[in-house]
Amino acid sequence: MRLITNIFMALFTLDTQSLARDFDLSVASKTRANRWIIGLRPRAKAIAGVFRKPPVAGSDDVEQVVLTDARGDRTVIDLTGITYSSDPPGADVRALFALPRVHDARARRCACASSAGAC
């Protein structure tokens, strides 16, 4: 599961160094207006069962990821039209991404369930 999560993060952030560990990368095309499409071919059979040559397209940022699984089911993730804010997220948004807290009775404190232990 962690491998798939890492792949998704690398796809959405266009971390080509991380992607190159699991995929053969190719620039499928570079079009006008600085648009690009990168093709990815999975190196391992386990990954190929989940992702079959997912193209990533964009210009300044990743704008589209197309995922096709081994059965041919296709999911298109369109990231165009996203606006960015320099404001930090509110408590409601931070809560959506918070790690679950684990109570440590011996230390009489709560800590995040992460290897770093910091909240």
PDB file of N, CA and C in Angstrom:
ATOM      1  N   MET A   1       0.816  -1.185   0.000  1.00  0.00           N
ATOM      2  CA  MET A   1       0.000   0.000   0.000  1.00  0.00           C
ATOM      3  C   MET A   1       0.868   1.260   0.000  1.00  0.00           C
ATOM      4  N   ARG A   2       1.971   1.234   0.771  1.00  0.00           N
ATOM      5  CA  ARG A   2       2.847   2.398   0.820  1.00  0.00           C
ATOM      6  C   ARG A   2       3.437   2.692  -0.556  1.00  0.00           C
ATOM      7  N   LEU A   3       3.753   1.659  -1.320  1.00  0.00           N
ATOM      8  CA  LEU A   3       4.310   1.852  -2.653  1.00  0.00           C
ATOM      9  C   LEU A   3       3.331   2.618  -3.535  1.00  0.00           C
ATOM     10  N   ILE A   4       2.065   2.227  -3.501  1.00  0.00           N
ATOM     11  CA  ILE A   4       1.049   2.900  -4.319  1.00  0.00           C
ATOM     12  C   ILE A   4       0.894   4.344  -3.868  1.00  0.00           C
ATOM     13  N   THR A   5       0.888   4.585  -2.567  1.00  0.00           N
ATOM     14  CA  THR A   5       0.791   5.950  -2.043  1.00  0.00           C
ATOM     15  C   THR A   5       1.966   6.784  -2.514  1.00  0.00           C
ATOM     16  N   ASN A   6       3.165   6.232  -2.449  1.00  0.00           N
ATOM     17  CA  ASN A   6       4.358   6.956  -2.910  1.00  0.00           C
ATOM     18  C   ASN A   6       4.282   7.257  -4.397  1.00  0.00           C
ATOM     19  N   ILE A   7       3.763   6.321  -5.172  1.00  0.00           N
ATOM     20  CA  ILE A   7       3.629   6.541  -6.612  1.00  0.00           C
ATOM     21  C   ILE A   7       2.645   7.680  -6.876  1.00  0.00           C
ATOM     22  N   PHE A   8       1.508   7.668  -6.181  1.00  0.00           N
ATOM     23  CA  PHE A   8       0.541   8.756  -6.365  1.00  0.00           C
ATOM     24  C   PHE A   8       1.161  10.109  -6.024  1.00  0.00           C
ATOM     25  N   MET A   9       1.870  10.191  -4.919  1.00  0.00           N
ATOM     26  CA  MET A   9       2.510  11.451  -4.544  1.00  0.00           C
ATOM     27  C   MET A   9       3.503  11.889  -5.614  1.00  0.00           C
ATOM     28  N   ALA A  10       4.274  10.959  -6.126  1.00  0.00           N
ATOM     29  CA  ALA A  10       5.247  11.289  -7.164  1.00  0.00           C
ATOM     30  C   ALA A  10       4.555  11.715  -8.456  1.00  0.00           C
ATOM     31  N   LEU A  11       3.429  11.078  -8.791  1.00  0.00           N
ATOM     32  CA  LEU A  11       2.676  11.476  -9.989  1.00  0.00           C
ATOM     33  C   LEU A  11       2.169  12.903  -9.876  1.00  0.00           C
ATOM     34  N   PHE A  12       1.556  13.220  -8.746  1.00  0.00           N
ATOM     35  CA  PHE A  12       0.937  14.537  -8.598  1.00  0.00           C
ATOM     36  C   PHE A  12       1.940  15.663  -8.410  1.00  0.00           C
ATOM     37  N   THR A  13       3.118  15.347  -7.917  1.00  0.00           N
ATOM     38  CA  THR A  13       4.143  16.376  -7.729  1.00  0.00           C
ATOM     39  C   THR A  13       5.192  16.335  -8.843  1.00  0.00           C
ATOM     40  N   LEU A  14       5.034  15.410  -9.757  1.00  0.00           N
ATOM     41  CA  LEU A  14       5.969  15.182 -10.860  1.00  0.00           C
ATOM     42  C   LEU A  14       7.396  15.018 -10.345  1.00  0.00           C
ATOM     43  N   ASP A  15       7.539  14.156  -9.363  1.00  0.00           N
ATOM     44  CA  ASP A  15       8.839  13.818  -8.802  1.00  0.00           C
ATOM     45  C   ASP A  15       9.447  12.745  -9.702  1.00  0.00           C
ATOM     46  N   THR A  16      10.127  13.196 -10.756  1.00  0.00           N
ATOM     47  CA  THR A  16      10.645  12.261 -11.755  1.00  0.00           C
ATOM     48  C   THR A  16      11.711  11.330 -11.186  1.00  0.00           C
ATOM     49  N   GLN A  17      12.442  11.783 -10.185  1.00  0.00           N
ATOM     50  CA  GLN A  17      13.458  10.920  -9.575  1.00  0.00           C
ATOM     51  C   GLN A  17      12.789   9.717  -8.908  1.00  0.00           C
ATOM     52  N   SER A  18      11.716   9.962  -8.162  1.00  0.00           N
ATOM     53  CA  SER A  18      10.991   8.858  -7.525  1.00  0.00           C
ATOM     54  C   SER A  18      10.298   7.990  -8.561  1.00  0.00           C
ATOM     55  N   LEU A  19       9.690   8.602  -9.560  1.00  0.00           N
ATOM     56  CA  LEU A  19       8.996   7.838 -10.597  1.00  0.00           C
ATOM     57  C   LEU A  19       9.957   6.930 -11.358  1.00  0.00           C
ATOM     58  N   ALA A  20      11.183   7.408 -11.578  1.00  0.00           N
ATOM     59  CA  ALA A  20      12.167   6.633 -12.345  1.00  0.00           C
ATOM     60  C   ALA A  20      12.582   5.347 -11.633  1.00  0.00           C
ATOM     61  N   ARG A  21      12.350   5.254 -10.320  1.00  0.00           N
ATOM     62  CA  ARG A  21      12.659   4.008  -9.604  1.00  0.00           C
ATOM     63  C   ARG A  21      11.701   2.885  -9.999  1.00  0.00           C
ATOM     64  N   ASP A  22      10.447   3.252 -10.312  1.00  0.00           N
ATOM     65  CA  ASP A  22       9.427   2.246 -10.585  1.00  0.00           C
ATOM     66  C   ASP A  22       8.945   2.212 -12.029  1.00  0.00           C
ATOM     67  N   PHE A  23       9.318   3.224 -12.817  1.00  0.00           N
ATOM     68  CA  PHE A  23       8.837   3.330 -14.199  1.00  0.00           C
ATOM     69  C   PHE A  23       9.968   3.710 -15.133  1.00  0.00           C
ATOM     70  N   ASP A  24       9.852   3.284 -16.392  1.00  0.00           N
ATOM     71  CA  ASP A  24      10.682   3.838 -17.452  1.00  0.00           C
ATOM     72  C   ASP A  24       9.947   5.077 -17.934  1.00  0.00           C
ATOM     73  N   LEU A  25      10.620   6.226 -17.929  1.00  0.00           N
ATOM     74  CA  LEU A  25      10.000   7.495 -18.298  1.00  0.00           C
ATOM     75  C   LEU A  25      10.314   7.835 -19.739  1.00  0.00           C
ATOM     76  N   SER A  26       9.343   8.425 -20.414  1.00  0.00           N
ATOM     77  CA  SER A  26       9.580   8.917 -21.768  1.00  0.00           C
ATOM     78  C   SER A  26       8.737  10.166 -21.982  1.00  0.00           C
ATOM     79  N   VAL A  27       9.322  11.141 -22.659  1.00  0.00           N
ATOM     80  CA  VAL A  27       8.552  12.327 -23.014  1.00  0.00           C
ATOM     81  C   VAL A  27       7.808  11.966 -24.286  1.00  0.00           C
ATOM     82  N   ALA A  28       6.509  11.736 -24.130  1.00  0.00           N
ATOM     83  CA  ALA A  28       5.686  11.316 -25.258  1.00  0.00           C
ATOM     84  C   ALA A  28       5.547  12.447 -26.260  1.00  0.00           C
ATOM     85  N   SER A  29       5.392  13.658 -25.772  1.00  0.00           N
ATOM     86  CA  SER A  29       5.326  14.803 -26.682  1.00  0.00           C
ATOM     87  C   SER A  29       5.522  16.084 -25.913  1.00  0.00           C
ATOM     88  N   LYS A  30       6.036  17.049 -26.621  1.00  0.00           N
ATOM     89  CA  LYS A  30       6.141  18.396 -26.077  1.00  0.00           C
ATOM     90  C   LYS A  30       5.440  19.276 -27.097  1.00  0.00           C
ATOM     91  N   THR A  31       4.342  19.842 -26.699  1.00  0.00           N
ATOM     92  CA  THR A  31       3.512  20.591 -27.634  1.00  0.00           C
ATOM     93  C   THR A  31       3.729  22.081 -27.466  1.00  0.00           C
ATOM     94  N   ARG A  32       2.969  22.829 -28.202  1.00  0.00           N
ATOM     95  CA  ARG A  32       3.075  24.293 -28.117  1.00  0.00           C
ATOM     96  C   ARG A  32       2.670  24.773 -26.726  1.00  0.00           C
ATOM     97  N   ALA A  33       3.024  25.979 -26.422  1.00  0.00           N
ATOM     98  CA  ALA A  33       2.695  26.621 -25.144  1.00  0.00           C
ATOM     99  C   ALA A  33       3.262  25.853 -23.946  1.00  0.00           C
ATOM    100  N   ASN A  34       4.438  25.249 -24.136  1.00  0.00           N
ATOM    101  CA  ASN A  34       5.125  24.546 -23.040  1.00  0.00           C
ATOM    102  C   ASN A  34       4.310  23.433 -22.395  1.00  0.00           C
ATOM    103  N   ARG A  35       3.439  22.817 -23.138  1.00  0.00           N
ATOM    104  CA  ARG A  35       2.681  21.668 -22.627  1.00  0.00           C
ATOM    105  C   ARG A  35       3.497  20.406 -22.883  1.00  0.00           C
ATOM    106  N   TRP A  36       3.357  19.418 -22.019  1.00  0.00           N
ATOM    107  CA  TRP A  36       4.131  18.194 -22.133  1.00  0.00           C
ATOM    108  C   TRP A  36       3.284  17.006 -21.709  1.00  0.00           C
ATOM    109  N   ILE A  37       3.697  15.854 -22.169  1.00  0.00           N
ATOM    110  CA  ILE A  37       3.104  14.587 -21.745  1.00  0.00           C
ATOM    111  C   ILE A  37       4.260  13.640 -21.473  1.00  0.00           C
ATOM    112  N   ILE A  38       4.240  13.038 -20.298  1.00  0.00           N
ATOM    113  CA  ILE A  38       5.280  12.067 -19.948  1.00  0.00           C
ATOM    114  C   ILE A  38       4.619  10.699 -19.859  1.00  0.00           C
ATOM    115  N   GLY A  39       5.188   9.747 -20.586  1.00  0.00           N
ATOM    116  CA  GLY A  39       4.709   8.379 -20.523  1.00  0.00           C
ATOM    117  C   GLY A  39       5.492   7.596 -19.487  1.00  0.00           C
ATOM    118  N   LEU A  40       4.818   6.704 -18.806  1.00  0.00           N
ATOM    119  CA  LEU A  40       5.442   5.891 -17.764  1.00  0.00           C
ATOM    120  C   LEU A  40       5.155   4.422 -18.044  1.00  0.00           C
ATOM    121  N   ARG A  41       6.192   3.611 -18.081  1.00  0.00           N
ATOM    122  CA  ARG A  41       6.009   2.174 -18.252  1.00  0.00           C
ATOM    123  C   ARG A  41       6.491   1.478 -16.986  1.00  0.00           C
ATOM    124  N   PRO A  42       5.593   0.779 -16.288  1.00  0.00           N
ATOM    125  CA  PRO A  42       5.983   0.129 -15.027  1.00  0.00           C
ATOM    126  C   PRO A  42       7.112  -0.875 -15.241  1.00  0.00           C
ATOM    127  N   ARG A  43       8.049  -0.906 -14.309  1.00  0.00           N
ATOM    128  CA  ARG A  43       9.168  -1.850 -14.368  1.00  0.00           C
ATOM    129  C   ARG A  43       8.802  -3.195 -13.750  1.00  0.00           C
ATOM    130  N   ALA A  44       7.989  -3.179 -12.690  1.00  0.00           N
ATOM    131  CA  ALA A  44       7.641  -4.407 -11.973  1.00  0.00           C
ATOM    132  C   ALA A  44       6.231  -4.862 -12.341  1.00  0.00           C
ATOM    133  N   LYS A  45       6.046  -6.188 -12.392  1.00  0.00           N
ATOM    134  CA  LYS A  45       4.727  -6.745 -12.715  1.00  0.00           C
ATOM    135  C   LYS A  45       3.673  -6.333 -11.701  1.00  0.00           C
ATOM    136  N   ALA A  46       4.073  -6.233 -10.427  1.00  0.00           N
ATOM    137  CA  ALA A  46       3.110  -5.852  -9.389  1.00  0.00           C
ATOM    138  C   ALA A  46       2.554  -4.457  -9.653  1.00  0.00           C
ATOM    139  N   ILE A  47       3.398  -3.545 -10.086  1.00  0.00           N
ATOM    140  CA  ILE A  47       2.942  -2.185 -10.391  1.00  0.00           C
ATOM    141  C   ILE A  47       2.135  -2.182 -11.681  1.00  0.00           C
ATOM    142  N   ALA A  48       2.560  -2.986 -12.663  1.00  0.00           N
ATOM    143  CA  ALA A  48       1.839  -3.054 -13.937  1.00  0.00           C
ATOM    144  C   ALA A  48       0.411  -3.564 -13.747  1.00  0.00           C
ATOM    145  N   GLY A  49       0.174  -4.326 -12.682  1.00  0.00           N
ATOM    146  CA  GLY A  49      -1.174  -4.796 -12.398  1.00  0.00           C
ATOM    147  C   GLY A  49      -2.089  -3.683 -11.922  1.00  0.00           C
ATOM    148  N   VAL A  50      -1.502  -2.609 -11.441  1.00  0.00           N
ATOM    149  CA  VAL A  50      -2.273  -1.475 -10.941  1.00  0.00           C
ATOM    150  C   VAL A  50      -2.264  -0.326 -11.941  1.00  0.00           C
ATOM    151  N   PHE A  51      -1.109  -0.044 -12.504  1.00  0.00           N
ATOM    152  CA  PHE A  51      -0.947   1.061 -13.449  1.00  0.00           C
ATOM    153  C   PHE A  51      -0.408   0.527 -14.768  1.00  0.00           C
ATOM    154  N   ARG A  52      -1.112   0.773 -15.839  1.00  0.00           N
ATOM    155  CA  ARG A  52      -0.633   0.358 -17.159  1.00  0.00           C
ATOM    156  C   ARG A  52      -0.310   1.605 -17.968  1.00  0.00           C
ATOM    157  N   LYS A  53       0.945   1.976 -18.012  1.00  0.00           N
ATOM    158  CA  LYS A  53       1.451   3.130 -18.752  1.00  0.00           C
ATOM    159  C   LYS A  53       0.658   4.409 -18.471  1.00  0.00           C
ATOM    160  N   PRO A  54       0.676   4.898 -17.247  1.00  0.00           N
ATOM    161  CA  PRO A  54      -0.099   6.108 -16.950  1.00  0.00           C
ATOM    162  C   PRO A  54       0.572   7.366 -17.501  1.00  0.00           C
ATOM    163  N   PRO A  55      -0.058   8.055 -18.455  1.00  0.00           N
ATOM    164  CA  PRO A  55       0.526   9.314 -18.922  1.00  0.00           C
ATOM    165  C   PRO A  55       0.214  10.444 -17.934  1.00  0.00           C
ATOM    166  N   VAL A  56       1.157  11.352 -17.806  1.00  0.00           N
ATOM    167  CA  VAL A  56       1.006  12.538 -16.969  1.00  0.00           C
ATOM    168  C   VAL A  56       1.184  13.726 -17.901  1.00  0.00           C
ATOM    169  N   ALA A  57       0.245  14.680 -17.847  1.00  0.00           N
ATOM    170  CA  ALA A  57       0.300  15.829 -18.753  1.00  0.00           C
ATOM    171  C   ALA A  57       0.197  17.129 -17.980  1.00  0.00           C
ATOM    172  N   GLY A  58       0.766  18.187 -18.542  1.00  0.00           N
ATOM    173  CA  GLY A  58       0.661  19.485 -17.904  1.00  0.00           C
ATOM    174  C   GLY A  58       1.420  20.545 -18.654  1.00  0.00           C
ATOM    175  N   SER A  59       1.584  21.672 -17.980  1.00  0.00           N
ATOM    176  CA  SER A  59       2.402  22.759 -18.513  1.00  0.00           C
ATOM    177  C   SER A  59       3.292  23.253 -17.377  1.00  0.00           C
ATOM    178  N   ASP A  60       2.832  24.201 -16.580  1.00  0.00           N
ATOM    179  CA  ASP A  60       3.613  24.619 -15.414  1.00  0.00           C
ATOM    180  C   ASP A  60       3.519  23.599 -14.290  1.00  0.00           C
ATOM    181  N   ASP A  61       2.353  22.996 -14.145  1.00  0.00           N
ATOM    182  CA  ASP A  61       2.089  21.989 -13.116  1.00  0.00           C
ATOM    183  C   ASP A  61       1.475  20.759 -13.761  1.00  0.00           C
ATOM    184  N   VAL A  62       1.367  19.680 -13.005  1.00  0.00           N
ATOM    185  CA  VAL A  62       0.652  18.496 -13.478  1.00  0.00           C
ATOM    186  C   VAL A  62      -0.816  18.876 -13.619  1.00  0.00           C
ATOM    187  N   GLU A  63      -1.379  18.614 -14.794  1.00  0.00           N
ATOM    188  CA  GLU A  63      -2.775  18.961 -15.040  1.00  0.00           C
ATOM    189  C   GLU A  63      -3.673  17.741 -15.200  1.00  0.00           C
ATOM    190  N   GLN A  64      -3.081  16.618 -15.613  1.00  0.00           N
ATOM    191  CA  GLN A  64      -3.911  15.438 -15.820  1.00  0.00           C
ATOM    192  C   GLN A  64      -3.080  14.175 -15.647  1.00  0.00           C
ATOM    193  N   VAL A  65      -3.674  13.210 -14.957  1.00  0.00           N
ATOM    194  CA  VAL A  65      -3.086  11.886 -14.807  1.00  0.00           C
ATOM    195  C   VAL A  65      -4.149  10.897 -15.251  1.00  0.00           C
ATOM    196  N   VAL A  66      -3.787   9.994 -16.148  1.00  0.00           N
ATOM    197  CA  VAL A  66      -4.724   8.973 -16.629  1.00  0.00           C
ATOM    198  C   VAL A  66      -4.230   7.625 -16.133  1.00  0.00           C
ATOM    199  N   LEU A  67      -5.070   6.965 -15.351  1.00  0.00           N
ATOM    200  CA  LEU A  67      -4.720   5.656 -14.799  1.00  0.00           C
ATOM    201  C   LEU A  67      -5.564   4.589 -15.468  1.00  0.00           C
ATOM    202  N   THR A  68      -4.918   3.560 -15.990  1.00  0.00           N
ATOM    203  CA  THR A  68      -5.604   2.425 -16.585  1.00  0.00           C
ATOM    204  C   THR A  68      -5.081   1.182 -15.894  1.00  0.00           C
ATOM    205  N   ASP A  69      -5.997   0.386 -15.329  1.00  0.00           N
ATOM    206  CA  ASP A  69      -5.536  -0.802 -14.620  1.00  0.00           C
ATOM    207  C   ASP A  69      -5.408  -1.978 -15.589  1.00  0.00           C
ATOM    208  N   ALA A  70      -4.998  -3.111 -15.077  1.00  0.00           N
ATOM    209  CA  ALA A  70      -4.732  -4.294 -15.902  1.00  0.00           C
ATOM    210  C   ALA A  70      -5.981  -4.790 -16.629  1.00  0.00           C
ATOM    211  N   ARG A  71      -7.175  -4.524 -16.083  1.00  0.00           N
ATOM    212  CA  ARG A  71      -8.427  -4.947 -16.733  1.00  0.00           C
ATOM    213  C   ARG A  71      -8.915  -3.937 -17.764  1.00  0.00           C
ATOM    214  N   GLY A  72      -8.242  -2.780 -17.834  1.00  0.00           N
ATOM    215  CA  GLY A  72      -8.635  -1.761 -18.798  1.00  0.00           C
ATOM    216  C   GLY A  72      -9.526  -0.674 -18.226  1.00  0.00           C
ATOM    217  N   ASP A  73      -9.861  -0.763 -16.926  1.00  0.00           N
ATOM    218  CA  ASP A  73     -10.640   0.309 -16.306  1.00  0.00           C
ATOM    219  C   ASP A  73      -9.790   1.572 -16.286  1.00  0.00           C
ATOM    220  N   ARG A  74     -10.388   2.701 -16.653  1.00  0.00           N
ATOM    221  CA  ARG A  74      -9.643   3.944 -16.831  1.00  0.00           C
ATOM    222  C   ARG A  74     -10.191   5.030 -15.906  1.00  0.00           C
ATOM    223  N   THR A  75      -9.282   5.730 -15.243  1.00  0.00           N
ATOM    224  CA  THR A  75      -9.632   6.865 -14.391  1.00  0.00           C
ATOM    225  C   THR A  75      -8.823   8.064 -14.858  1.00  0.00           C
ATOM    226  N   VAL A  76      -9.510   9.176 -15.134  1.00  0.00           N
ATOM    227  CA  VAL A  76      -8.840  10.409 -15.542  1.00  0.00           C
ATOM    228  C   VAL A  76      -8.943  11.390 -14.378  1.00  0.00           C
ATOM    229  N   ILE A  77      -7.802  11.837 -13.895  1.00  0.00           N
ATOM    230  CA  ILE A  77      -7.757  12.814 -12.810  1.00  0.00           C
ATOM    231  C   ILE A  77      -7.361  14.150 -13.426  1.00  0.00           C
ATOM    232  N   ASP A  78      -8.308  15.087 -13.436  1.00  0.00           N
ATOM    233  CA  ASP A  78      -8.109  16.395 -14.054  1.00  0.00           C
ATOM    234  C   ASP A  78      -7.818  17.412 -12.962  1.00  0.00           C
ATOM    235  N   LEU A  79      -6.642  18.019 -13.026  1.00  0.00           N
ATOM    236  CA  LEU A  79      -6.221  18.969 -12.005  1.00  0.00           C
ATOM    237  C   LEU A  79      -6.189  20.400 -12.532  1.00  0.00           C
ATOM    238  N   THR A  80      -6.842  20.665 -13.658  1.00  0.00           N
ATOM    239  CA  THR A  80      -6.866  22.019 -14.202  1.00  0.00           C
ATOM    240  C   THR A  80      -7.859  22.872 -13.418  1.00  0.00           C
ATOM    241  N   GLY A  81      -7.643  24.148 -13.421  1.00  0.00           N
ATOM    242  CA  GLY A  81      -8.557  25.068 -12.757  1.00  0.00           C
ATOM    243  C   GLY A  81      -8.437  25.102 -11.254  1.00  0.00           C
ATOM    244  N   ILE A  82      -7.375  24.538 -10.704  1.00  0.00           N
ATOM    245  CA  ILE A  82      -7.171  24.552  -9.260  1.00  0.00           C
ATOM    246  C   ILE A  82      -6.541  25.895  -8.887  1.00  0.00           C
ATOM    247  N   THR A  83      -7.085  26.518  -7.876  1.00  0.00           N
ATOM    248  CA  THR A  83      -6.495  27.765  -7.393  1.00  0.00           C
ATOM    249  C   THR A  83      -5.718  27.481  -6.120  1.00  0.00           C
ATOM    250  N   TYR A  84      -4.644  28.214  -5.957  1.00  0.00           N
ATOM    251  CA  TYR A  84      -3.775  28.027  -4.805  1.00  0.00           C
ATOM    252  C   TYR A  84      -3.924  29.213  -3.864  1.00  0.00           C
ATOM    253  N   SER A  85      -3.768  28.971  -2.600  1.00  0.00           N
ATOM    254  CA  SER A  85      -3.841  30.022  -1.595  1.00  0.00           C
ATOM    255  C   SER A  85      -2.578  29.971  -0.751  1.00  0.00           C
ATOM    256  N   SER A  86      -2.087  31.143  -0.396  1.00  0.00           N
ATOM    257  CA  SER A  86      -0.925  31.187   0.493  1.00  0.00           C
ATOM    258  C   SER A  86      -1.350  31.131   1.958  1.00  0.00           C
ATOM    259  N   ASP A  87      -2.660  31.187   2.211  1.00  0.00           N
ATOM    260  CA  ASP A  87      -3.165  31.096   3.579  1.00  0.00           C
ATOM    261  C   ASP A  87      -3.037  29.670   4.084  1.00  0.00           C
ATOM    262  N   PRO A  88      -2.647  29.498   5.341  1.00  0.00           N
ATOM    263  CA  PRO A  88      -2.589  28.134   5.893  1.00  0.00           C
ATOM    264  C   PRO A  88      -3.994  27.556   6.002  1.00  0.00           C
ATOM    265  N   PRO A  89      -4.128  26.240   5.910  1.00  0.00           N
ATOM    266  CA  PRO A  89      -5.452  25.631   6.012  1.00  0.00           C
ATOM    267  C   PRO A  89      -6.032  25.803   7.418  1.00  0.00           C
ATOM    268  N   GLY A  90      -7.357  25.859   7.480  1.00  0.00           N
ATOM    269  CA  GLY A  90      -8.033  25.968   8.769  1.00  0.00           C
ATOM    270  C   GLY A  90      -7.992  24.647   9.517  1.00  0.00           C
ATOM    271  N   ALA A  91      -8.465  24.673  10.765  1.00  0.00           N
ATOM    272  CA  ALA A  91      -8.454  23.485  11.616  1.00  0.00           C
ATOM    273  C   ALA A  91      -9.272  22.350  11.007  1.00  0.00           C
ATOM    274  N   ASP A  92     -10.386  22.682  10.327  1.00  0.00           N
ATOM    275  CA  ASP A  92     -11.221  21.640   9.729  1.00  0.00           C
ATOM    276  C   ASP A  92     -10.479  20.890   8.633  1.00  0.00           C
ATOM    277  N   VAL A  93      -9.703  21.601   7.836  1.00  0.00           N
ATOM    278  CA  VAL A  93      -8.934  20.956   6.758  1.00  0.00           C
ATOM    279  C   VAL A  93      -7.761  20.183   7.344  1.00  0.00           C
ATOM    280  N   ARG A  94      -7.076  20.768   8.321  1.00  0.00           N
ATOM    281  CA  ARG A  94      -5.949  20.065   8.949  1.00  0.00           C
ATOM    282  C   ARG A  94      -6.418  18.769   9.589  1.00  0.00           C
ATOM    283  N   ALA A  95      -7.618  18.765  10.148  1.00  0.00           N
ATOM    284  CA  ALA A  95      -8.151  17.559  10.797  1.00  0.00           C
ATOM    285  C   ALA A  95      -8.351  16.423   9.801  1.00  0.00           C
ATOM    286  N   LEU A  96      -8.652  16.757   8.562  1.00  0.00           N
ATOM    287  CA  LEU A  96      -8.830  15.725   7.536  1.00  0.00           C
ATOM    288  C   LEU A  96      -7.540  14.951   7.276  1.00  0.00           C
ATOM    289  N   PHE A  97      -6.397  15.599   7.475  1.00  0.00           N
ATOM    290  CA  PHE A  97      -5.113  14.981   7.164  1.00  0.00           C
ATOM    291  C   PHE A  97      -4.301  14.628   8.407  1.00  0.00           C
ATOM    292  N   ALA A  98      -4.898  14.744   9.565  1.00  0.00           N
ATOM    293  CA  ALA A  98      -4.188  14.479  10.817  1.00  0.00           C
ATOM    294  C   ALA A  98      -3.974  12.985  11.012  1.00  0.00           C
ATOM    295  N   LEU A  99      -2.863  12.656  11.620  1.00  0.00           N
ATOM    296  CA  LEU A  99      -2.596  11.269  11.990  1.00  0.00           C
ATOM    297  C   LEU A  99      -3.404  10.950  13.239  1.00  0.00           C
ATOM    298  N   PRO A 100      -3.852   9.716  13.368  1.00  0.00           N
ATOM    299  CA  PRO A 100      -4.588   9.364  14.590  1.00  0.00           C
ATOM    300  C   PRO A 100      -3.677   9.469  15.807  1.00  0.00           C
ATOM    301  N   ARG A 101      -4.251   9.884  16.909  1.00  0.00           N
ATOM    302  CA  ARG A 101      -3.479  10.015  18.143  1.00  0.00           C
ATOM    303  C   ARG A 101      -3.546   8.713  18.933  1.00  0.00           C
ATOM    304  N   VAL A 102      -2.425   8.361  19.527  1.00  0.00           N
ATOM    305  CA  VAL A 102      -2.324   7.153  20.347  1.00  0.00           C
ATOM    306  C   VAL A 102      -2.016   7.601  21.768  1.00  0.00           C
ATOM    307  N   HIS A 103      -2.803   7.128  22.720  1.00  0.00           N
ATOM    308  CA  HIS A 103      -2.584   7.524  24.105  1.00  0.00           C
ATOM    309  C   HIS A 103      -1.507   6.654  24.737  1.00  0.00           C
ATOM    310  N   ASP A 104      -0.531   7.299  25.317  1.00  0.00           N
ATOM    311  CA  ASP A 104       0.555   6.611  26.010  1.00  0.00           C
ATOM    312  C   ASP A 104       0.368   6.864  27.507  1.00  0.00           C
ATOM    313  N   ALA A 105      -0.231   5.898  28.218  1.00  0.00           N
ATOM    314  CA  ALA A 105      -0.559   6.068  29.624  1.00  0.00           C
ATOM    315  C   ALA A 105       0.687   6.251  30.482  1.00  0.00           C
ATOM    316  N   ARG A 106       1.780   5.573  30.112  1.00  0.00           N
ATOM    317  CA  ARG A 106       3.004   5.676  30.905  1.00  0.00           C
ATOM    318  C   ARG A 106       3.577   7.089  30.863  1.00  0.00           C
ATOM    319  N   ALA A 107       3.522   7.706  29.701  1.00  0.00           N
ATOM    320  CA  ALA A 107       4.087   9.048  29.579  1.00  0.00           C
ATOM    321  C   ALA A 107       3.049  10.116  29.896  1.00  0.00           C
ATOM    322  N   ARG A 108       1.799   9.687  30.084  1.00  0.00           N
ATOM    323  CA  ARG A 108       0.687  10.595  30.364  1.00  0.00           C
ATOM    324  C   ARG A 108       0.604  11.711  29.325  1.00  0.00           C
ATOM    325  N   ARG A 109       0.687  11.276  28.076  1.00  0.00           N
ATOM    326  CA  ARG A 109       0.579  12.229  26.975  1.00  0.00           C
ATOM    327  C   ARG A 109       0.021  11.513  25.764  1.00  0.00           C
ATOM    328  N   CYS A 110      -0.400  12.267  24.803  1.00  0.00           N
ATOM    329  CA  CYS A 110      -0.859  11.704  23.533  1.00  0.00           C
ATOM    330  C   CYS A 110       0.184  12.029  22.487  1.00  0.00           C
ATOM    331  N   ALA A 111       0.409  11.091  21.607  1.00  0.00           N
ATOM    332  CA  ALA A 111       1.377  11.293  20.531  1.00  0.00           C
ATOM    333  C   ALA A 111       0.768  10.800  19.234  1.00  0.00           C
ATOM    334  N   CYS A 112       1.233  11.385  18.164  1.00  0.00           N
ATOM    335  CA  CYS A 112       0.762  10.939  16.860  1.00  0.00           C
ATOM    336  C   CYS A 112       1.294   9.550  16.573  1.00  0.00           C
ATOM    337  N   ALA A 113       0.519   8.787  15.831  1.00  0.00           N
ATOM    338  CA  ALA A 113       0.921   7.425  15.477  1.00  0.00           C
ATOM    339  C   ALA A 113       1.830   7.472  14.265  1.00  0.00           C
ATOM    340  N   SER A 114       2.960   8.123  14.415  1.00  0.00           N
ATOM    341  CA  SER A 114       3.928   8.182  13.329  1.00  0.00           C
ATOM    342  C   SER A 114       5.280   7.766  13.862  1.00  0.00           C
ATOM    343  N   SER A 115       6.166   7.426  12.942  1.00  0.00           N
ATOM    344  CA  SER A 115       7.492   7.014  13.374  1.00  0.00           C
ATOM    345  C   SER A 115       8.257   8.183  13.978  1.00  0.00           C
ATOM    346  N   ALA A 116       7.934   9.400  13.541  1.00  0.00           N
ATOM    347  CA  ALA A 116       8.619  10.569  14.081  1.00  0.00           C
ATOM    348  C   ALA A 116       8.112  10.921  15.465  1.00  0.00           C
ATOM    349  N   GLY A 117       6.829  10.588  15.744  1.00  0.00           N
ATOM    350  CA  GLY A 117       6.273  10.856  17.052  1.00  0.00           C
ATOM    351  C   GLY A 117       5.899  12.305  17.289  1.00  0.00           C
ATOM    352  N   ALA A 118       6.073  13.162  16.294  1.00  0.00           N
ATOM    353  CA  ALA A 118       5.726  14.574  16.459  1.00  0.00           C
ATOM    354  C   ALA A 118       4.367  14.847  15.847  1.00  0.00           C
ATOM    355  N   CYS A 119       3.608  15.720  16.472  1.00  0.00           N
ATOM    356  CA  CYS A 119       2.265  16.057  15.966  1.00  0.00           C
ATOM    357  C   CYS A 119       2.282  17.334  15.182  1.00  0.00           C
TER     358      CYS A 119
END
